[in-house]
Amino acid sequence: MPKKIKNQNAKKAAKEIEKDLAKKIGMFDQLPESCSSCGDFFDKTSIQEVASWQVTVRGDTVRIYCPNCWGRATELVKAADELTEGEEHNEVS
């Protein structure tokens, strides 16, 4: 691929990334004030909470999860994956 085309593709990709980031930063004001699962209050001014809470963005929906709820959710997903893998293994046998 010619260098000129590579540079054009890289510039397009960089612009898309920058546009996406700007959109997500603009959604910061839509951040909920509490955990979307349990309702615990989220202090936007606390560096510790900002660093430990998880934010998900799907389309125009912004959700935030406290560390406890996020940990439980990841454990459930992991258990479901293991269960699914076990069922797939049994079908193959």
N, C-alpha and C. Protein backbone atom coordinates (compact mmCIF):
# COMPACT_ATOMS: atom_id res chain seq x y z
N MET A 1 0.85 -1.17 0.00
CA MET A 1 0.00 0.00 0.00
C MET A 1 0.90 1.24 0.00
N PRO A 2 0.62 2.18 -0.88
CA PRO A 2 1.44 3.39 -0.93
C PRO A 2 1.39 4.18 0.37
N LYS A 3 2.49 4.87 0.64
CA LYS A 3 2.63 5.63 1.88
C LYS A 3 1.55 6.70 2.00
N LYS A 4 1.21 7.34 0.90
CA LYS A 4 0.20 8.40 0.92
C LYS A 4 -1.15 7.86 1.41
N ILE A 5 -1.53 6.70 0.93
CA ILE A 5 -2.81 6.09 1.33
C ILE A 5 -2.76 5.69 2.79
N LYS A 6 -1.62 5.16 3.24
CA LYS A 6 -1.48 4.80 4.65
C LYS A 6 -1.66 6.02 5.54
N ASN A 7 -1.04 7.14 5.15
CA ASN A 7 -1.15 8.38 5.93
C ASN A 7 -2.59 8.88 5.96
N GLN A 8 -3.29 8.80 4.83
CA GLN A 8 -4.68 9.22 4.78
C GLN A 8 -5.55 8.36 5.69
N ASN A 9 -5.32 7.05 5.66
CA ASN A 9 -6.08 6.14 6.52
C ASN A 9 -5.78 6.39 7.99
N ALA A 10 -4.54 6.66 8.30
CA ALA A 10 -4.16 6.94 9.69
C ALA A 10 -4.81 8.24 10.16
N LYS A 11 -4.84 9.25 9.31
CA LYS A 11 -5.48 10.52 9.68
C LYS A 11 -6.98 10.35 9.90
N LYS A 12 -7.63 9.56 9.03
CA LYS A 12 -9.06 9.30 9.19
C LYS A 12 -9.33 8.58 10.51
N ALA A 13 -8.52 7.58 10.81
CA ALA A 13 -8.69 6.81 12.05
C ALA A 13 -8.48 7.72 13.26
N ALA A 14 -7.47 8.58 13.21
CA ALA A 14 -7.20 9.49 14.32
C ALA A 14 -8.37 10.45 14.52
N LYS A 15 -8.94 10.95 13.43
CA LYS A 15 -10.08 11.86 13.53
C LYS A 15 -11.28 11.17 14.15
N GLU A 16 -11.53 9.91 13.76
CA GLU A 16 -12.64 9.14 14.32
C GLU A 16 -12.45 8.92 15.82
N ILE A 17 -11.25 8.58 16.22
CA ILE A 17 -10.95 8.37 17.64
C ILE A 17 -11.15 9.66 18.41
N GLU A 18 -10.66 10.76 17.86
CA GLU A 18 -10.80 12.06 18.52
C GLU A 18 -12.27 12.46 18.64
N LYS A 19 -13.04 12.21 17.60
CA LYS A 19 -14.47 12.53 17.60
C LYS A 19 -15.21 11.71 18.65
N ASP A 20 -14.88 10.41 18.72
CA ASP A 20 -15.50 9.51 19.68
C ASP A 20 -15.17 9.92 21.12
N LEU A 21 -13.91 10.28 21.35
CA LEU A 21 -13.48 10.71 22.67
C LEU A 21 -14.19 12.00 23.08
N ALA A 22 -14.31 12.94 22.16
CA ALA A 22 -14.99 14.20 22.44
C ALA A 22 -16.45 13.95 22.81
N LYS A 23 -17.08 13.02 22.12
CA LYS A 23 -18.48 12.68 22.43
C LYS A 23 -18.59 12.10 23.83
N LYS A 24 -17.67 11.20 24.18
CA LYS A 24 -17.71 10.57 25.51
C LYS A 24 -17.42 11.57 26.61
N ILE A 25 -16.49 12.48 26.38
CA ILE A 25 -16.20 13.51 27.37
C ILE A 25 -17.41 14.41 27.55
N GLY A 26 -18.11 14.69 26.46
CA GLY A 26 -19.31 15.49 26.53
C GLY A 26 -20.43 14.83 27.31
N MET A 27 -20.37 13.51 27.45
CA MET A 27 -21.39 12.77 28.19
C MET A 27 -21.12 12.76 29.69
N PHE A 28 -20.01 13.35 30.12
CA PHE A 28 -19.66 13.35 31.55
C PHE A 28 -20.75 13.99 32.39
N ASP A 29 -21.41 15.01 31.84
CA ASP A 29 -22.48 15.66 32.61
C ASP A 29 -23.72 14.77 32.73
N GLN A 30 -23.79 13.70 31.95
CA GLN A 30 -24.91 12.76 32.03
C GLN A 30 -24.63 11.63 33.01
N LEU A 31 -23.47 11.68 33.65
CA LEU A 31 -23.07 10.64 34.59
C LEU A 31 -24.06 10.59 35.76
N PRO A 32 -24.61 9.42 36.06
CA PRO A 32 -25.54 9.31 37.18
C PRO A 32 -24.88 9.67 38.51
N GLU A 33 -25.69 9.99 39.50
CA GLU A 33 -25.17 10.35 40.83
C GLU A 33 -25.08 9.15 41.75
N SER A 34 -25.53 7.98 41.27
CA SER A 34 -25.49 6.79 42.12
C SER A 34 -25.26 5.56 41.26
N CYS A 35 -24.87 4.48 41.93
CA CYS A 35 -24.63 3.20 41.26
C CYS A 35 -25.91 2.77 40.53
N SER A 36 -25.76 2.37 39.30
CA SER A 36 -26.91 1.96 38.50
C SER A 36 -27.50 0.64 38.97
N SER A 37 -26.79 -0.08 39.83
CA SER A 37 -27.27 -1.35 40.32
C SER A 37 -27.84 -1.25 41.74
N CYS A 38 -27.04 -0.74 42.69
CA CYS A 38 -27.47 -0.74 44.09
C CYS A 38 -27.92 0.63 44.60
N GLY A 39 -27.58 1.69 43.88
CA GLY A 39 -28.02 3.02 44.29
C GLY A 39 -27.09 3.76 45.23
N ASP A 40 -25.90 3.20 45.54
CA ASP A 40 -24.93 3.91 46.39
C ASP A 40 -24.55 5.23 45.73
N PHE A 41 -24.40 6.27 46.55
CA PHE A 41 -24.06 7.60 46.06
C PHE A 41 -22.66 7.62 45.47
N PHE A 42 -22.49 8.31 44.33
CA PHE A 42 -21.19 8.46 43.68
C PHE A 42 -20.75 9.91 43.83
N ASP A 43 -19.60 10.11 44.48
CA ASP A 43 -19.06 11.45 44.70
C ASP A 43 -18.08 11.77 43.56
N LYS A 44 -18.52 12.61 42.62
CA LYS A 44 -17.70 12.96 41.46
C LYS A 44 -16.42 13.71 41.85
N THR A 45 -16.40 14.28 43.06
CA THR A 45 -15.24 15.05 43.49
C THR A 45 -14.20 14.20 44.20
N SER A 46 -14.52 12.94 44.49
CA SER A 46 -13.59 12.04 45.19
C SER A 46 -12.70 11.34 44.17
N ILE A 47 -11.42 11.59 44.27
CA ILE A 47 -10.46 10.96 43.35
C ILE A 47 -10.50 9.45 43.50
N GLN A 48 -10.64 8.97 44.74
CA GLN A 48 -10.68 7.53 44.98
C GLN A 48 -11.90 6.89 44.30
N GLU A 49 -13.05 7.52 44.41
CA GLU A 49 -14.25 6.95 43.79
C GLU A 49 -14.17 7.03 42.27
N VAL A 50 -13.69 8.13 41.75
CA VAL A 50 -13.57 8.27 40.31
C VAL A 50 -12.64 7.19 39.75
N ALA A 51 -11.61 6.85 40.49
CA ALA A 51 -10.64 5.85 40.04
C ALA A 51 -11.16 4.42 40.21
N SER A 52 -12.07 4.18 41.14
CA SER A 52 -12.46 2.80 41.44
C SER A 52 -13.82 2.40 40.85
N TRP A 53 -14.68 3.34 40.53
CA TRP A 53 -15.99 3.01 39.97
C TRP A 53 -15.85 2.76 38.47
N GLN A 54 -16.75 1.94 37.92
CA GLN A 54 -16.73 1.59 36.49
C GLN A 54 -17.87 2.31 35.76
N VAL A 55 -17.56 2.85 34.61
CA VAL A 55 -18.54 3.55 33.78
C VAL A 55 -18.72 2.77 32.49
N THR A 56 -19.98 2.56 32.09
CA THR A 56 -20.26 1.94 30.81
C THR A 56 -21.08 2.90 29.97
N VAL A 57 -20.80 2.93 28.69
CA VAL A 57 -21.55 3.77 27.75
C VAL A 57 -21.99 2.88 26.61
N ARG A 58 -23.29 2.80 26.43
CA ARG A 58 -23.87 2.04 25.31
C ARG A 58 -24.83 2.99 24.61
N GLY A 59 -24.45 3.39 23.42
CA GLY A 59 -25.27 4.37 22.70
C GLY A 59 -25.24 5.68 23.46
N ASP A 60 -26.40 6.17 23.84
CA ASP A 60 -26.49 7.41 24.60
C ASP A 60 -26.74 7.16 26.09
N THR A 61 -26.68 5.90 26.51
CA THR A 61 -26.94 5.54 27.90
C THR A 61 -25.64 5.42 28.67
N VAL A 62 -25.53 6.18 29.77
CA VAL A 62 -24.35 6.14 30.63
C VAL A 62 -24.76 5.50 31.95
N ARG A 63 -24.03 4.47 32.34
CA ARG A 63 -24.29 3.81 33.63
C ARG A 63 -22.99 3.79 34.41
N ILE A 64 -23.13 3.78 35.74
CA ILE A 64 -21.96 3.76 36.61
C ILE A 64 -22.18 2.69 37.68
N TYR A 65 -21.11 1.97 38.02
CA TYR A 65 -21.22 0.86 38.97
C TYR A 65 -20.15 0.98 40.05
N CYS A 66 -20.58 0.77 41.30
CA CYS A 66 -19.64 0.79 42.41
C CYS A 66 -18.75 -0.46 42.34
N PRO A 67 -17.62 -0.46 43.03
CA PRO A 67 -16.72 -1.62 42.97
C PRO A 67 -17.38 -2.93 43.40
N ASN A 68 -18.26 -2.89 44.41
CA ASN A 68 -18.93 -4.12 44.86
C ASN A 68 -19.82 -4.71 43.78
N CYS A 69 -20.65 -3.87 43.17
CA CYS A 69 -21.56 -4.36 42.13
C CYS A 69 -20.78 -4.81 40.89
N TRP A 70 -19.73 -4.08 40.55
CA TRP A 70 -18.93 -4.45 39.39
C TRP A 70 -18.24 -5.80 39.63
N GLY A 71 -17.74 -6.01 40.83
CA GLY A 71 -17.10 -7.28 41.16
C GLY A 71 -18.08 -8.43 41.09
N ARG A 72 -19.28 -8.24 41.63
CA ARG A 72 -20.29 -9.30 41.56
C ARG A 72 -20.68 -9.59 40.12
N ALA A 73 -20.82 -8.55 39.32
CA ALA A 73 -21.20 -8.74 37.92
C ALA A 73 -20.13 -9.51 37.15
N THR A 74 -18.88 -9.17 37.37
CA THR A 74 -17.81 -9.88 36.66
C THR A 74 -17.73 -11.34 37.11
N GLU A 75 -17.99 -11.60 38.40
CA GLU A 75 -18.00 -12.98 38.88
C GLU A 75 -19.14 -13.77 38.23
N LEU A 76 -20.32 -13.15 38.09
CA LEU A 76 -21.45 -13.82 37.46
C LEU A 76 -21.16 -14.13 35.99
N VAL A 77 -20.56 -13.18 35.30
CA VAL A 77 -20.22 -13.39 33.89
C VAL A 77 -19.20 -14.51 33.76
N LYS A 78 -18.21 -14.53 34.64
CA LYS A 78 -17.19 -15.58 34.60
C LYS A 78 -17.82 -16.95 34.87
N ALA A 79 -18.73 -17.02 35.85
CA ALA A 79 -19.39 -18.28 36.16
C ALA A 79 -20.25 -18.74 34.99
N ALA A 80 -20.95 -17.81 34.35
CA ALA A 80 -21.77 -18.16 33.20
C ALA A 80 -20.91 -18.65 32.05
N ASP A 81 -19.77 -18.02 31.84
CA ASP A 81 -18.85 -18.46 30.78
C ASP A 81 -18.35 -19.87 31.06
N GLU A 82 -17.99 -20.15 32.30
CA GLU A 82 -17.50 -21.48 32.67
C GLU A 82 -18.60 -22.53 32.48
N LEU A 83 -19.82 -22.17 32.83
CA LEU A 83 -20.94 -23.08 32.68
C LEU A 83 -21.18 -23.36 31.19
N THR A 84 -21.14 -22.32 30.38
CA THR A 84 -21.33 -22.48 28.94
C THR A 84 -20.22 -23.33 28.33
N GLU A 85 -18.99 -23.10 28.76
CA GLU A 85 -17.86 -23.90 28.25
C GLU A 85 -18.04 -25.36 28.63
N GLY A 86 -18.52 -25.63 29.84
CA GLY A 86 -18.75 -27.00 30.28
C GLY A 86 -19.83 -27.68 29.47
N GLU A 87 -20.90 -26.95 29.13
CA GLU A 87 -21.97 -27.52 28.31
C GLU A 87 -21.48 -27.80 26.90
N GLU A 88 -20.68 -26.89 26.34
CA GLU A 88 -20.14 -27.11 25.00
C GLU A 88 -19.22 -28.33 24.99
N HIS A 89 -18.43 -28.50 26.04
CA HIS A 89 -17.52 -29.63 26.14
C HIS A 89 -18.33 -30.94 26.18
N ASN A 90 -19.43 -30.95 26.94
CA ASN A 90 -20.26 -32.16 27.04
C ASN A 90 -20.92 -32.50 25.72
N GLU A 91 -21.30 -31.49 24.92
CA GLU A 91 -21.93 -31.75 23.63
C GLU A 91 -20.95 -32.36 22.65
N VAL A 92 -19.69 -31.97 22.73
CA VAL A 92 -18.66 -32.47 21.82
C VAL A 92 -18.32 -33.92 22.15
N SER A 93 -18.34 -34.27 23.41
CA SER A 93 -17.93 -35.61 23.84
C SER A 93 -18.87 -36.69 23.35
